[in-house]
Amino acid sequence: KSLRLLKAFDVHPDISAQLFSYLFFFINALLFNLLMERGDLSSRLLMGSLLSCAGSGGAFYCWASLDLLMDWAHGAGLADLAHTYLLKLSSAVNLLATPKENLLQVLLLFT
């Protein structure tokens, strides 16, 4: 809705980009800090869907929801902003979504 409103009222693209930069920054900061503080991630990310990233499959659902957000940003022409501001969260969720066996294989490669 926000993007449609910005376009409907002919808001300058630089101001729109700044708005979404702030949104992506705060999404990243909030969810990444929750992840670091609690060891799990429970928050509303996309259109009211509740994410629970604790447990074996939780990280996958977070990764999938983050992927949906990135897809939306790409379609809205905001992919660079989303990538820039969601990089820490994306990296952490990708690590959590990686199966333990794959992480052990990578560890063995470097030892």
PDB file of N, CA and C in Angstrom:
ATOM      1  N   LYS A   1       0.814  -1.182   0.000  1.00  0.00           N
ATOM      2  CA  LYS A   1       0.000   0.000   0.000  1.00  0.00           C
ATOM      3  C   LYS A   1       0.863   1.253   0.000  1.00  0.00           C
ATOM      4  N   SER A   2       1.943   1.226   0.751  1.00  0.00           N
ATOM      5  CA  SER A   2       2.798   2.406   0.845  1.00  0.00           C
ATOM      6  C   SER A   2       3.353   2.803  -0.508  1.00  0.00           C
ATOM      7  N   LEU A   3       3.816   1.826  -1.245  1.00  0.00           N
ATOM      8  CA  LEU A   3       4.391   2.116  -2.554  1.00  0.00           C
ATOM      9  C   LEU A   3       3.336   2.698  -3.491  1.00  0.00           C
ATOM     10  N   ARG A   4       2.126   2.149  -3.451  1.00  0.00           N
ATOM     11  CA  ARG A   4       1.042   2.684  -4.297  1.00  0.00           C
ATOM     12  C   ARG A   4       0.698   4.122  -3.909  1.00  0.00           C
ATOM     13  N   LEU A   5       0.671   4.396  -2.618  1.00  0.00           N
ATOM     14  CA  LEU A   5       0.380   5.761  -2.174  1.00  0.00           C
ATOM     15  C   LEU A   5       1.466   6.734  -2.614  1.00  0.00           C
ATOM     16  N   LEU A   6       2.703   6.321  -2.486  1.00  0.00           N
ATOM     17  CA  LEU A   6       3.797   7.192  -2.904  1.00  0.00           C
ATOM     18  C   LEU A   6       3.704   7.517  -4.389  1.00  0.00           C
ATOM     19  N   LYS A   7       3.367   6.511  -5.184  1.00  0.00           N
ATOM     20  CA  LYS A   7       3.227   6.737  -6.621  1.00  0.00           C
ATOM     21  C   LYS A   7       1.987   7.567  -6.938  1.00  0.00           C
ATOM     22  N   ALA A   8       0.896   7.320  -6.232  1.00  0.00           N
ATOM     23  CA  ALA A   8      -0.353   8.055  -6.492  1.00  0.00           C
ATOM     24  C   ALA A   8      -0.205   9.547  -6.205  1.00  0.00           C
ATOM     25  N   PHE A   9       0.605   9.892  -5.202  1.00  0.00           N
ATOM     26  CA  PHE A   9       0.786  11.297  -4.849  1.00  0.00           C
ATOM     27  C   PHE A   9       2.064  11.887  -5.445  1.00  0.00           C
ATOM     28  N   ASP A  10       2.643  11.189  -6.402  1.00  0.00           N
ATOM     29  CA  ASP A  10       3.831  11.673  -7.125  1.00  0.00           C
ATOM     30  C   ASP A  10       4.964  12.124  -6.198  1.00  0.00           C
ATOM     31  N   VAL A  11       5.229  11.312  -5.189  1.00  0.00           N
ATOM     32  CA  VAL A  11       6.344  11.604  -4.287  1.00  0.00           C
ATOM     33  C   VAL A  11       7.637  11.358  -5.056  1.00  0.00           C
ATOM     34  N   HIS A  12       8.583  12.232  -4.883  1.00  0.00           N
ATOM     35  CA  HIS A  12       9.857  12.138  -5.599  1.00  0.00           C
ATOM     36  C   HIS A  12      10.516  10.783  -5.317  1.00  0.00           C
ATOM     37  N   PRO A  13      11.087  10.146  -6.348  1.00  0.00           N
ATOM     38  CA  PRO A  13      11.699   8.819  -6.156  1.00  0.00           C
ATOM     39  C   PRO A  13      12.789   8.776  -5.095  1.00  0.00           C
ATOM     40  N   ASP A  14      13.539   9.856  -4.920  1.00  0.00           N
ATOM     41  CA  ASP A  14      14.580   9.865  -3.886  1.00  0.00           C
ATOM     42  C   ASP A  14      13.982   9.794  -2.484  1.00  0.00           C
ATOM     43  N   ILE A  15      12.857  10.453  -2.287  1.00  0.00           N
ATOM     44  CA  ILE A  15      12.187  10.411  -0.982  1.00  0.00           C
ATOM     45  C   ILE A  15      11.598   9.020  -0.751  1.00  0.00           C
ATOM     46  N   SER A  16      11.028   8.435  -1.794  1.00  0.00           N
ATOM     47  CA  SER A  16      10.500   7.066  -1.681  1.00  0.00           C
ATOM     48  C   SER A  16      11.616   6.091  -1.339  1.00  0.00           C
ATOM     49  N   ALA A  17      12.761   6.239  -2.009  1.00  0.00           N
ATOM     50  CA  ALA A  17      13.899   5.356  -1.734  1.00  0.00           C
ATOM     51  C   ALA A  17      14.373   5.519  -0.299  1.00  0.00           C
ATOM     52  N   GLN A  18      14.387   6.753   0.197  1.00  0.00           N
ATOM     53  CA  GLN A  18      14.804   6.986   1.577  1.00  0.00           C
ATOM     54  C   GLN A  18      13.840   6.343   2.563  1.00  0.00           C
ATOM     55  N   LEU A  19      12.552   6.449   2.292  1.00  0.00           N
ATOM     56  CA  LEU A  19      11.544   5.827   3.144  1.00  0.00           C
ATOM     57  C   LEU A  19      11.757   4.319   3.228  1.00  0.00           C
ATOM     58  N   PHE A  20      11.940   3.671   2.078  1.00  0.00           N
ATOM     59  CA  PHE A  20      12.132   2.227   2.088  1.00  0.00           C
ATOM     60  C   PHE A  20      13.488   1.841   2.656  1.00  0.00           C
ATOM     61  N   SER A  21      14.478   2.704   2.523  1.00  0.00           N
ATOM     62  CA  SER A  21      15.766   2.447   3.179  1.00  0.00           C
ATOM     63  C   SER A  21      15.573   2.364   4.683  1.00  0.00           C
ATOM     64  N   TYR A  22      14.821   3.324   5.235  1.00  0.00           N
ATOM     65  CA  TYR A  22      14.537   3.301   6.668  1.00  0.00           C
ATOM     66  C   TYR A  22      13.756   2.056   7.055  1.00  0.00           C
ATOM     67  N   LEU A  23      12.767   1.701   6.272  1.00  0.00           N
ATOM     68  CA  LEU A  23      11.970   0.510   6.585  1.00  0.00           C
ATOM     69  C   LEU A  23      12.827  -0.752   6.585  1.00  0.00           C
ATOM     70  N   PHE A  24      13.641  -0.934   5.536  1.00  0.00           N
ATOM     71  CA  PHE A  24      14.501  -2.112   5.466  1.00  0.00           C
ATOM     72  C   PHE A  24      15.533  -2.108   6.600  1.00  0.00           C
ATOM     73  N   PHE A  25      16.075  -0.932   6.923  1.00  0.00           N
ATOM     74  CA  PHE A  25      17.045  -0.830   8.011  1.00  0.00           C
ATOM     75  C   PHE A  25      16.415  -1.273   9.331  1.00  0.00           C
ATOM     76  N   PHE A  26      15.213  -0.764   9.635  1.00  0.00           N
ATOM     77  CA  PHE A  26      14.579  -1.096  10.905  1.00  0.00           C
ATOM     78  C   PHE A  26      14.091  -2.542  10.951  1.00  0.00           C
ATOM     79  N   ILE A  27      13.637  -3.082   9.830  1.00  0.00           N
ATOM     80  CA  ILE A  27      13.289  -4.506   9.783  1.00  0.00           C
ATOM     81  C   ILE A  27      14.522  -5.332  10.113  1.00  0.00           C
ATOM     82  N   ASN A  28      15.642  -5.017   9.464  1.00  0.00           N
ATOM     83  CA  ASN A  28      16.887  -5.742   9.700  1.00  0.00           C
ATOM     84  C   ASN A  28      17.326  -5.609  11.153  1.00  0.00           C
ATOM     85  N   ALA A  29      17.353  -4.389  11.671  1.00  0.00           N
ATOM     86  CA  ALA A  29      17.842  -4.163  13.031  1.00  0.00           C
ATOM     87  C   ALA A  29      16.970  -4.881  14.062  1.00  0.00           C
ATOM     88  N   LEU A  30      15.661  -4.732  13.933  1.00  0.00           N
ATOM     89  CA  LEU A  30      14.755  -5.352  14.899  1.00  0.00           C
ATOM     90  C   LEU A  30      14.872  -6.869  14.897  1.00  0.00           C
ATOM     91  N   LEU A  31      14.758  -7.468  13.721  1.00  0.00           N
ATOM     92  CA  LEU A  31      14.770  -8.930  13.658  1.00  0.00           C
ATOM     93  C   LEU A  31      16.141  -9.514  13.966  1.00  0.00           C
ATOM     94  N   PHE A  32      17.205  -8.863  13.510  1.00  0.00           N
ATOM     95  CA  PHE A  32      18.552  -9.350  13.816  1.00  0.00           C
ATOM     96  C   PHE A  32      18.813  -9.258  15.321  1.00  0.00           C
ATOM     97  N   ASN A  33      18.412  -8.160  15.951  1.00  0.00           N
ATOM     98  CA  ASN A  33      18.609  -8.028  17.399  1.00  0.00           C
ATOM     99  C   ASN A  33      17.788  -9.051  18.178  1.00  0.00           C
ATOM    100  N   LEU A  34      16.563  -9.315  17.729  1.00  0.00           N
ATOM    101  CA  LEU A  34      15.772 -10.368  18.379  1.00  0.00           C
ATOM    102  C   LEU A  34      16.469 -11.716  18.264  1.00  0.00           C
ATOM    103  N   LEU A  35      17.003 -11.974  17.112  1.00  0.00           N
ATOM    104  CA  LEU A  35      17.712 -13.234  16.888  1.00  0.00           C
ATOM    105  C   LEU A  35      18.914 -13.360  17.820  1.00  0.00           C
ATOM    106  N   MET A  36      19.685 -12.288  17.952  1.00  0.00           N
ATOM    107  CA  MET A  36      20.882 -12.319  18.791  1.00  0.00           C
ATOM    108  C   MET A  36      20.538 -12.369  20.278  1.00  0.00           C
ATOM    109  N   GLU A  37      19.482 -11.681  20.680  1.00  0.00           N
ATOM    110  CA  GLU A  37      19.119 -11.640  22.104  1.00  0.00           C
ATOM    111  C   GLU A  37      18.479 -12.924  22.590  1.00  0.00           C
ATOM    112  N   ARG A  38      17.580 -13.465  21.791  1.00  0.00           N
ATOM    113  CA  ARG A  38      16.771 -14.599  22.240  1.00  0.00           C
ATOM    114  C   ARG A  38      17.256 -15.936  21.727  1.00  0.00           C
ATOM    115  N   GLY A  39      18.007 -15.944  20.647  1.00  0.00           N
ATOM    116  CA  GLY A  39      18.405 -17.203  20.049  1.00  0.00           C
ATOM    117  C   GLY A  39      17.316 -17.770  19.160  1.00  0.00           C
ATOM    118  N   ASP A  40      16.195 -17.077  19.078  1.00  0.00           N
ATOM    119  CA  ASP A  40      15.152 -17.451  18.143  1.00  0.00           C
ATOM    120  C   ASP A  40      14.638 -16.164  17.517  1.00  0.00           C
ATOM    121  N   LEU A  41      13.740 -16.301  16.600  1.00  0.00           N
ATOM    122  CA  LEU A  41      13.241 -15.117  15.906  1.00  0.00           C
ATOM    123  C   LEU A  41      11.746 -15.259  15.770  1.00  0.00           C
ATOM    124  N   SER A  42      11.018 -14.456  16.517  1.00  0.00           N
ATOM    125  CA  SER A  42       9.561 -14.481  16.424  1.00  0.00           C
ATOM    126  C   SER A  42       9.098 -13.051  16.220  1.00  0.00           C
ATOM    127  N   SER A  43       8.592 -12.780  15.062  1.00  0.00           N
ATOM    128  CA  SER A  43       8.119 -11.436  14.782  1.00  0.00           C
ATOM    129  C   SER A  43       7.214 -11.468  13.581  1.00  0.00           C
ATOM    130  N   ARG A  44       6.479 -10.412  13.365  1.00  0.00           N
ATOM    131  CA  ARG A  44       5.633 -10.303  12.180  1.00  0.00           C
ATOM    132  C   ARG A  44       6.464  -9.646  11.093  1.00  0.00           C
ATOM    133  N   LEU A  45       6.656 -10.377   9.966  1.00  0.00           N
ATOM    134  CA  LEU A  45       7.510  -9.835   8.919  1.00  0.00           C
ATOM    135  C   LEU A  45       6.726  -9.482   7.680  1.00  0.00           C
ATOM    136  N   LEU A  46       5.964 -10.411   7.155  1.00  0.00           N
ATOM    137  CA  LEU A  46       5.289 -10.160   5.889  1.00  0.00           C
ATOM    138  C   LEU A  46       3.790 -10.224   6.053  1.00  0.00           C
ATOM    139  N   MET A  47       3.124  -9.123   5.864  1.00  0.00           N
ATOM    140  CA  MET A  47       1.669  -9.029   5.811  1.00  0.00           C
ATOM    141  C   MET A  47       0.996  -9.780   6.952  1.00  0.00           C
ATOM    142  N   GLY A  48       1.540  -9.644   8.164  1.00  0.00           N
ATOM    143  CA  GLY A  48       0.898 -10.192   9.338  1.00  0.00           C
ATOM    144  C   GLY A  48       1.139 -11.666   9.586  1.00  0.00           C
ATOM    145  N   SER A  49       1.961 -12.326   8.777  1.00  0.00           N
ATOM    146  CA  SER A  49       2.194 -13.751   9.031  1.00  0.00           C
ATOM    147  C   SER A  49       3.205 -13.892  10.162  1.00  0.00           C
ATOM    148  N   LEU A  50       2.883 -14.729  11.109  1.00  0.00           N
ATOM    149  CA  LEU A  50       3.746 -14.902  12.263  1.00  0.00           C
ATOM    150  C   LEU A  50       4.857 -15.877  11.927  1.00  0.00           C
ATOM    151  N   LEU A  51       6.086 -15.427  12.139  1.00  0.00           N
ATOM    152  CA  LEU A  51       7.235 -16.289  11.893  1.00  0.00           C
ATOM    153  C   LEU A  51       7.749 -16.802  13.229  1.00  0.00           C
ATOM    154  N   SER A  52       8.000 -18.064  13.278  1.00  0.00           N
ATOM    155  CA  SER A  52       8.641 -18.626  14.452  1.00  0.00           C
ATOM    156  C   SER A  52       9.845 -19.406  13.969  1.00  0.00           C
ATOM    157  N   CYS A  53      11.020 -18.870  14.227  1.00  0.00           N
ATOM    158  CA  CYS A  53      12.231 -19.448  13.668  1.00  0.00           C
ATOM    159  C   CYS A  53      12.993 -20.286  14.671  1.00  0.00           C
ATOM    160  N   ALA A  54      12.349 -20.714  15.718  1.00  0.00           N
ATOM    161  CA  ALA A  54      13.000 -21.621  16.637  1.00  0.00           C
ATOM    162  C   ALA A  54      12.691 -23.044  16.199  1.00  0.00           C
ATOM    163  N   GLY A  55      13.619 -23.924  16.445  1.00  0.00           N
ATOM    164  CA  GLY A  55      13.395 -25.312  16.079  1.00  0.00           C
ATOM    165  C   GLY A  55      13.973 -25.637  14.719  1.00  0.00           C
ATOM    166  N   SER A  56      13.811 -26.874  14.312  1.00  0.00           N
ATOM    167  CA  SER A  56      14.495 -27.367  13.117  1.00  0.00           C
ATOM    168  C   SER A  56      14.006 -26.722  11.835  1.00  0.00           C
ATOM    169  N   GLY A  57      12.696 -26.572  11.655  1.00  0.00           N
ATOM    170  CA  GLY A  57      12.193 -26.029  10.402  1.00  0.00           C
ATOM    171  C   GLY A  57      11.950 -24.536  10.444  1.00  0.00           C
ATOM    172  N   GLY A  58      12.055 -23.919  11.620  1.00  0.00           N
ATOM    173  CA  GLY A  58      11.751 -22.505  11.756  1.00  0.00           C
ATOM    174  C   GLY A  58      12.623 -21.605  10.924  1.00  0.00           C
ATOM    175  N   ALA A  59      13.911 -21.910  10.870  1.00  0.00           N
ATOM    176  CA  ALA A  59      14.832 -21.077  10.097  1.00  0.00           C
ATOM    177  C   ALA A  59      14.478 -21.110   8.616  1.00  0.00           C
ATOM    178  N   PHE A  60      13.994 -22.263   8.153  1.00  0.00           N
ATOM    179  CA  PHE A  60      13.605 -22.350   6.743  1.00  0.00           C
ATOM    180  C   PHE A  60      12.434 -21.418   6.456  1.00  0.00           C
ATOM    181  N   TYR A  61      11.460 -21.372   7.365  1.00  0.00           N
ATOM    182  CA  TYR A  61      10.313 -20.494   7.156  1.00  0.00           C
ATOM    183  C   TYR A  61      10.730 -19.027   7.176  1.00  0.00           C
ATOM    184  N   CYS A  62      11.666 -18.677   8.045  1.00  0.00           N
ATOM    185  CA  CYS A  62      12.196 -17.309   8.065  1.00  0.00           C
ATOM    186  C   CYS A  62      12.897 -17.001   6.758  1.00  0.00           C
ATOM    187  N   TRP A  63      13.693 -17.941   6.297  1.00  0.00           N
ATOM    188  CA  TRP A  63      14.407 -17.759   5.035  1.00  0.00           C
ATOM    189  C   TRP A  63      13.417 -17.579   3.889  1.00  0.00           C
ATOM    190  N   ALA A  64      12.371 -18.389   3.868  1.00  0.00           N
ATOM    191  CA  ALA A  64      11.371 -18.289   2.806  1.00  0.00           C
ATOM    192  C   ALA A  64      10.636 -16.952   2.867  1.00  0.00           C
ATOM    193  N   SER A  65      10.311 -16.489   4.061  1.00  0.00           N
ATOM    194  CA  SER A  65       9.626 -15.206   4.200  1.00  0.00           C
ATOM    195  C   SER A  65      10.531 -14.043   3.817  1.00  0.00           C
ATOM    196  N   LEU A  66      11.781 -14.133   4.201  1.00  0.00           N
ATOM    197  CA  LEU A  66      12.745 -13.109   3.808  1.00  0.00           C
ATOM    198  C   LEU A  66      12.927 -13.110   2.296  1.00  0.00           C
ATOM    199  N   ASP A  67      12.907 -14.294   1.705  1.00  0.00           N
ATOM    200  CA  ASP A  67      12.999 -14.416   0.248  1.00  0.00           C
ATOM    201  C   ASP A  67      11.788 -13.761  -0.426  1.00  0.00           C
ATOM    202  N   LEU A  68      10.603 -13.921   0.164  1.00  0.00           N
ATOM    203  CA  LEU A  68       9.409 -13.254  -0.366  1.00  0.00           C
ATOM    204  C   LEU A  68       9.553 -11.738  -0.309  1.00  0.00           C
ATOM    205  N   LEU A  69      10.084 -11.242   0.799  1.00  0.00           N
ATOM    206  CA  LEU A  69      10.307  -9.804   0.926  1.00  0.00           C
ATOM    207  C   LEU A  69      11.297  -9.317  -0.130  1.00  0.00           C
ATOM    208  N   MET A  70      12.369 -10.080  -0.337  1.00  0.00           N
ATOM    209  CA  MET A  70      13.363  -9.702  -1.347  1.00  0.00           C
ATOM    210  C   MET A  70      12.757  -9.749  -2.752  1.00  0.00           C
ATOM    211  N   ASP A  71      11.915 -10.740  -3.013  1.00  0.00           N
ATOM    212  CA  ASP A  71      11.237 -10.811  -4.316  1.00  0.00           C
ATOM    213  C   ASP A  71      10.329  -9.607  -4.531  1.00  0.00           C
ATOM    214  N   TRP A  72       9.595  -9.226  -3.480  1.00  0.00           N
ATOM    215  CA  TRP A  72       8.735  -8.054  -3.591  1.00  0.00           C
ATOM    216  C   TRP A  72       9.572  -6.808  -3.874  1.00  0.00           C
ATOM    217  N   ALA A  73      10.670  -6.663  -3.135  1.00  0.00           N
ATOM    218  CA  ALA A  73      11.532  -5.495  -3.319  1.00  0.00           C
ATOM    219  C   ALA A  73      12.087  -5.458  -4.739  1.00  0.00           C
ATOM    220  N   HIS A  74      12.454  -6.615  -5.261  1.00  0.00           N
ATOM    221  CA  HIS A  74      12.960  -6.673  -6.636  1.00  0.00           C
ATOM    222  C   HIS A  74      11.887  -6.219  -7.622  1.00  0.00           C
ATOM    223  N   GLY A  75      10.672  -6.714  -7.443  1.00  0.00           N
ATOM    224  CA  GLY A  75       9.571  -6.334  -8.325  1.00  0.00           C
ATOM    225  C   GLY A  75       9.209  -4.861  -8.221  1.00  0.00           C
ATOM    226  N   ALA A  76       9.459  -4.264  -7.046  1.00  0.00           N
ATOM    227  CA  ALA A  76       9.144  -2.852  -6.833  1.00  0.00           C
ATOM    228  C   ALA A  76      10.307  -1.944  -7.210  1.00  0.00           C
ATOM    229  N   GLY A  77      11.398  -2.548  -7.701  1.00  0.00           N
ATOM    230  CA  GLY A  77      12.566  -1.751  -8.066  1.00  0.00           C
ATOM    231  C   GLY A  77      13.406  -1.330  -6.871  1.00  0.00           C
ATOM    232  N   LEU A  78      13.277  -2.049  -5.770  1.00  0.00           N
ATOM    233  CA  LEU A  78      13.995  -1.708  -4.536  1.00  0.00           C
ATOM    234  C   LEU A  78      14.982  -2.791  -4.122  1.00  0.00           C
ATOM    235  N   ALA A  79      15.372  -3.631  -5.061  1.00  0.00           N
ATOM    236  CA  ALA A  79      16.226  -4.777  -4.736  1.00  0.00           C
ATOM    237  C   ALA A  79      17.568  -4.356  -4.142  1.00  0.00           C
ATOM    238  N   ASP A  80      18.188  -3.320  -4.701  1.00  0.00           N
ATOM    239  CA  ASP A  80      19.488  -2.883  -4.181  1.00  0.00           C
ATOM    240  C   ASP A  80      19.374  -2.384  -2.748  1.00  0.00           C
ATOM    241  N   LEU A  81      18.327  -1.621  -2.470  1.00  0.00           N
ATOM    242  CA  LEU A  81      18.119  -1.131  -1.104  1.00  0.00           C
ATOM    243  C   LEU A  81      17.869  -2.282  -0.138  1.00  0.00           C
ATOM    244  N   ALA A  82      17.016  -3.209  -0.532  1.00  0.00           N
ATOM    245  CA  ALA A  82      16.706  -4.342   0.338  1.00  0.00           C
ATOM    246  C   ALA A  82      17.955  -5.170   0.604  1.00  0.00           C
ATOM    247  N   HIS A  83      18.733  -5.426  -0.430  1.00  0.00           N
ATOM    248  CA  HIS A  83      19.955  -6.219  -0.254  1.00  0.00           C
ATOM    249  C   HIS A  83      20.924  -5.503   0.688  1.00  0.00           C
ATOM    250  N   THR A  84      21.075  -4.209   0.498  1.00  0.00           N
ATOM    251  CA  THR A  84      21.990  -3.437   1.337  1.00  0.00           C
ATOM    252  C   THR A  84      21.580  -3.477   2.804  1.00  0.00           C
ATOM    253  N   TYR A  85      20.309  -3.273   3.069  1.00  0.00           N
ATOM    254  CA  TYR A  85      19.861  -3.119   4.458  1.00  0.00           C
ATOM    255  C   TYR A  85      19.454  -4.424   5.127  1.00  0.00           C
ATOM    256  N   LEU A  86      19.233  -5.480   4.378  1.00  0.00           N
ATOM    257  CA  LEU A  86      18.830  -6.761   4.975  1.00  0.00           C
ATOM    258  C   LEU A  86      19.942  -7.800   4.940  1.00  0.00           C
ATOM    259  N   LEU A  87      21.161  -7.371   4.622  1.00  0.00           N
ATOM    260  CA  LEU A  87      22.270  -8.314   4.451  1.00  0.00           C
ATOM    261  C   LEU A  87      22.600  -9.089   5.726  1.00  0.00           C
ATOM    262  N   LYS A  88      22.676  -8.404   6.869  1.00  0.00           N
ATOM    263  CA  LYS A  88      23.015  -9.105   8.123  1.00  0.00           C
ATOM    264  C   LYS A  88      21.960 -10.143   8.470  1.00  0.00           C
ATOM    265  N   LEU A  89      20.704  -9.739   8.402  1.00  0.00           N
ATOM    266  CA  LEU A  89      19.622 -10.669   8.723  1.00  0.00           C
ATOM    267  C   LEU A  89      19.605 -11.828   7.736  1.00  0.00           C
ATOM    268  N   SER A  90      19.762 -11.524   6.474  1.00  0.00           N
ATOM    269  CA  SER A  90      19.763 -12.561   5.442  1.00  0.00           C
ATOM    270  C   SER A  90      20.891 -13.565   5.679  1.00  0.00           C
ATOM    271  N   SER A  91      22.068 -13.071   6.009  1.00  0.00           N
ATOM    272  CA  SER A  91      23.210 -13.958   6.265  1.00  0.00           C
ATOM    273  C   SER A  91      22.961 -14.856   7.474  1.00  0.00           C
ATOM    274  N   ALA A  92      22.426 -14.268   8.539  1.00  0.00           N
ATOM    275  CA  ALA A  92      22.154 -15.051   9.750  1.00  0.00           C
ATOM    276  C   ALA A  92      21.085 -16.106   9.495  1.00  0.00           C
ATOM    277  N   VAL A  93      20.024 -15.732   8.790  1.00  0.00           N
ATOM    278  CA  VAL A  93      18.943 -16.682   8.513  1.00  0.00           C
ATOM    279  C   VAL A  93      19.424 -17.782   7.572  1.00  0.00           C
ATOM    280  N   ASN A  94      20.237 -17.427   6.581  1.00  0.00           N
ATOM    281  CA  ASN A  94      20.796 -18.450   5.691  1.00  0.00           C
ATOM    282  C   ASN A  94      21.653 -19.443   6.469  1.00  0.00           C
ATOM    283  N   LEU A  95      22.435 -18.947   7.404  1.00  0.00           N
ATOM    284  CA  LEU A  95      23.260 -19.837   8.225  1.00  0.00           C
ATOM    285  C   LEU A  95      22.385 -20.753   9.072  1.00  0.00           C
ATOM    286  N   LEU A  96      21.326 -20.193   9.673  1.00  0.00           N
ATOM    287  CA  LEU A  96      20.434 -21.006  10.494  1.00  0.00           C
ATOM    288  C   LEU A  96      19.639 -22.015   9.670  1.00  0.00           C
ATOM    289  N   ALA A  97      19.368 -21.682   8.413  1.00  0.00           N
ATOM    290  CA  ALA A  97      18.583 -22.577   7.561  1.00  0.00           C
ATOM    291  C   ALA A  97      19.437 -23.676   6.943  1.00  0.00           C
ATOM    292  N   THR A  98      20.758 -23.563   7.055  1.00  0.00           N
ATOM    293  CA  THR A  98      21.650 -24.576   6.496  1.00  0.00           C
ATOM    294  C   THR A  98      21.623 -25.818   7.383  1.00  0.00           C
ATOM    295  N   PRO A  99      21.390 -26.981   6.802  1.00  0.00           N
ATOM    296  CA  PRO A  99      21.381 -28.213   7.601  1.00  0.00           C
ATOM    297  C   PRO A  99      22.717 -28.421   8.327  1.00  0.00           C
ATOM    298  N   LYS A 100      22.622 -28.963   9.510  1.00  0.00           N
ATOM    299  CA  LYS A 100      23.796 -29.179  10.357  1.00  0.00           C
ATOM    300  C   LYS A 100      24.866 -30.013   9.640  1.00  0.00           C
ATOM    301  N   GLU A 101      24.429 -30.997   8.874  1.00  0.00           N
ATOM    302  CA  GLU A 101      25.376 -31.859   8.165  1.00  0.00           C
ATOM    303  C   GLU A 101      26.208 -31.071   7.158  1.00  0.00           C
ATOM    304  N   ASN A 102      25.564 -30.126   6.475  1.00  0.00           N
ATOM    305  CA  ASN A 102      26.293 -29.302   5.501  1.00  0.00           C
ATOM    306  C   ASN A 102      27.313 -28.403   6.185  1.00  0.00           C
ATOM    307  N   LEU A 103      26.939 -27.867   7.339  1.00  0.00           N
ATOM    308  CA  LEU A 103      27.878 -27.039   8.087  1.00  0.00           C
ATOM    309  C   LEU A 103      29.079 -27.854   8.556  1.00  0.00           C
ATOM    310  N   LEU A 104      28.821 -29.094   8.978  1.00  0.00           N
ATOM    311  CA  LEU A 104      29.928 -29.957   9.406  1.00  0.00           C
ATOM    312  C   LEU A 104      30.850 -30.300   8.243  1.00  0.00           C
ATOM    313  N   GLN A 105      30.284 -30.496   7.068  1.00  0.00           N
ATOM    314  CA  GLN A 105      31.104 -30.771   5.870  1.00  0.00           C
ATOM    315  C   GLN A 105      31.995 -29.584   5.537  1.00  0.00           C
ATOM    316  N   VAL A 106      31.456 -28.397   5.632  1.00  0.00           N
ATOM    317  CA  VAL A 106      32.239 -27.193   5.373  1.00  0.00           C
ATOM    318  C   VAL A 106      33.350 -27.054   6.423  1.00  0.00           C
ATOM    319  N   LEU A 107      33.016 -27.326   7.653  1.00  0.00           N
ATOM    320  CA  LEU A 107      34.001 -27.261   8.723  1.00  0.00           C
ATOM    321  C   LEU A 107      35.144 -28.245   8.458  1.00  0.00           C
ATOM    322  N   LEU A 108      34.810 -29.445   8.022  1.00  0.00           N
ATOM    323  CA  LEU A 108      35.835 -30.457   7.725  1.00  0.00           C
ATOM    324  C   LEU A 108      36.722 -30.028   6.564  1.00  0.00           C
ATOM    325  N   LEU A 109      36.188 -29.299   5.605  1.00  0.00           N
ATOM    326  CA  LEU A 109      36.980 -28.816   4.474  1.00  0.00           C
ATOM    327  C   LEU A 109      38.050 -27.835   4.918  1.00  0.00           C
ATOM    328  N   PHE A 110      37.759 -27.065   5.959  1.00  0.00           N
ATOM    329  CA  PHE A 110      38.690 -26.030   6.405  1.00  0.00           C
ATOM    330  C   PHE A 110      39.611 -26.495   7.526  1.00  0.00           C
ATOM    331  N   THR A 111      39.491 -27.756   7.934  1.00  0.00           N
ATOM    332  CA  THR A 111      40.381 -28.236   9.004  1.00  0.00           C
ATOM    333  C   THR A 111      41.383 -29.214   8.478  1.00  0.00           C
TER     334      THR A 111
END
